Amino acid sequence: MSLKTLPWCPQPGYSVEEEPRRKVLNFGNGYQQRIESGINTLLRKYSVTFKIRHNESVQFRNFMKEHGGIRAFYFRDVALGGELVKVICTKFPRSITKTHTTFNCEFEEVV
């Protein structure tokens, strides 16, 4: 099955967290040795906001429910020139105003 691409664009100003996974061994006299922890040690985490009209919010929510936090999809990272990044959405809480629904999503890059 091919992966779907998220068709909605996030609000400007989303944040991207990059923290290398590593192991640190501490020895006597303050000596440390650091090594990468496994393969693919620099996966990104995104905090993105989507402001969607009410008539589309059901479709957005269904897209997230369909993937259920375990099935990956593609997200277009505009900060990387529109590169498609394979992610899962770990949570997608929403707040509702008079005309729009705002989703504050957490994406984690996967391989």
Protein backbone atom coordinates (compact mmCIF):
# COMPACT_ATOMS: atom_id res chain seq x y z
CA MET A 1 0.00 0.00 0.00
CA SER A 2 1.40 3.39 -0.95
CA LEU A 3 1.62 6.14 1.64
CA LYS A 4 -0.81 9.04 1.50
CA THR A 5 0.37 12.65 1.52
CA LEU A 6 -1.22 15.08 3.97
CA PRO A 7 -2.97 17.57 1.65
CA TRP A 8 -3.29 20.45 4.17
CA CYS A 9 -0.61 23.10 4.74
CA PRO A 10 0.41 23.99 8.30
CA GLN A 11 0.32 27.49 9.72
CA PRO A 12 3.65 29.36 9.41
CA GLY A 13 5.95 29.25 12.40
CA TYR A 14 5.87 25.55 13.24
CA SER A 15 8.77 24.14 15.25
CA VAL A 16 11.15 21.32 14.40
CA GLU A 17 13.12 19.47 17.06
CA GLU A 18 16.31 17.65 16.13
CA GLU A 19 18.18 15.83 18.88
CA PRO A 20 20.72 13.14 17.96
CA ARG A 21 20.23 9.83 19.78
CA ARG A 22 23.49 8.90 21.45
CA LYS A 23 24.94 6.90 24.29
CA VAL A 24 27.38 8.48 26.71
CA LEU A 25 29.80 6.43 28.76
CA ASN A 26 31.31 8.21 31.77
CA PHE A 27 34.72 7.12 33.03
CA GLY A 28 36.92 8.36 35.85
CA ASN A 29 38.49 11.85 35.88
CA GLY A 30 35.60 13.32 33.86
CA TYR A 31 36.43 11.37 30.70
CA GLN A 32 33.45 10.63 28.43
CA GLN A 33 32.98 8.56 25.33
CA ARG A 34 29.99 9.25 23.08
CA ILE A 35 28.60 7.03 20.32
CA GLU A 36 25.53 7.07 18.10
CA SER A 37 22.67 4.98 19.41
CA GLY A 38 21.63 2.76 16.51
CA ILE A 39 20.97 3.77 12.94
CA ASN A 40 18.95 6.80 11.82
CA THR A 41 19.98 8.74 14.89
CA LEU A 42 18.72 12.16 13.79
CA LEU A 43 14.97 11.93 13.26
CA ARG A 44 12.92 15.11 13.50
CA LYS A 45 9.88 15.93 15.63
CA TYR A 46 7.43 18.56 14.43
CA SER A 47 4.94 20.69 16.35
CA VAL A 48 2.56 21.99 13.70
CA THR A 49 -0.73 23.86 13.73
CA PHE A 50 -3.44 23.53 11.12
CA LYS A 51 -6.28 26.07 10.98
CA ILE A 52 -9.07 24.48 8.98
CA ARG A 53 -12.60 25.57 8.12
CA HIS A 54 -15.29 23.57 9.86
CA ASN A 55 -16.51 21.95 6.64
CA GLU A 56 -13.02 20.40 6.11
CA SER A 57 -12.18 19.64 9.74
CA VAL A 58 -14.03 16.30 9.66
CA GLN A 59 -11.90 15.20 6.68
CA PHE A 60 -8.70 16.26 8.47
CA ARG A 61 -9.69 14.43 11.65
CA ASN A 62 -10.63 11.31 9.67
CA PHE A 63 -7.23 11.39 7.94
CA MET A 64 -5.50 11.43 11.35
CA LYS A 65 -7.82 8.76 12.79
CA GLU A 66 -7.23 6.55 9.75
CA HIS A 67 -3.49 6.58 10.46
CA GLY A 68 -4.06 6.12 14.19
CA GLY A 69 -0.62 7.22 15.35
CA ILE A 70 0.95 4.04 13.96
CA ARG A 71 0.60 4.26 10.18
CA ALA A 72 2.93 6.67 8.42
CA PHE A 73 2.06 9.34 5.86
CA TYR A 74 3.97 12.07 4.03
CA PHE A 75 4.12 15.62 5.34
CA ARG A 76 5.47 18.43 3.15
CA ASP A 77 8.15 20.33 5.13
CA VAL A 78 8.19 23.83 3.64
CA ALA A 79 11.32 24.68 5.65
CA LEU A 80 13.16 22.05 3.59
CA GLY A 81 11.93 23.37 0.26
CA GLY A 82 8.78 21.25 0.22
CA GLU A 83 10.57 17.97 0.89
CA LEU A 84 8.23 15.09 1.73
CA VAL A 85 8.97 13.68 5.17
CA LYS A 86 7.59 10.32 6.32
CA VAL A 87 5.90 10.87 9.71
CA ILE A 88 3.37 9.55 12.18
CA CYS A 89 1.03 11.82 14.13
CA THR A 90 1.23 11.02 17.84
CA LYS A 91 -1.51 13.45 18.87
CA PHE A 92 -3.87 15.95 17.25
CA PRO A 93 -5.87 17.91 19.84
CA ARG A 94 -8.22 20.53 18.47
CA SER A 95 -9.84 23.75 19.53
CA ILE A 96 -12.95 25.09 17.87
CA THR A 97 -13.80 28.72 17.11
CA LYS A 98 -16.75 30.23 15.30
CA THR A 99 -15.50 29.53 11.76
CA HIS A 100 -12.41 27.30 12.08
CA THR A 101 -11.03 24.29 13.90
CA THR A 102 -7.39 24.50 14.96
CA PHE A 103 -5.43 21.25 15.26
CA ASN A 104 -2.13 21.29 17.20
CA CYS A 105 -0.36 18.19 15.91
CA GLU A 106 2.80 16.39 16.97
CA PHE A 107 4.57 14.58 14.13
CA GLU A 108 7.51 12.20 14.51
CA GLU A 109 9.68 11.31 11.54
CA VAL A 110 9.95 7.58 10.86
CA VAL A 111 12.00 5.49 8.46
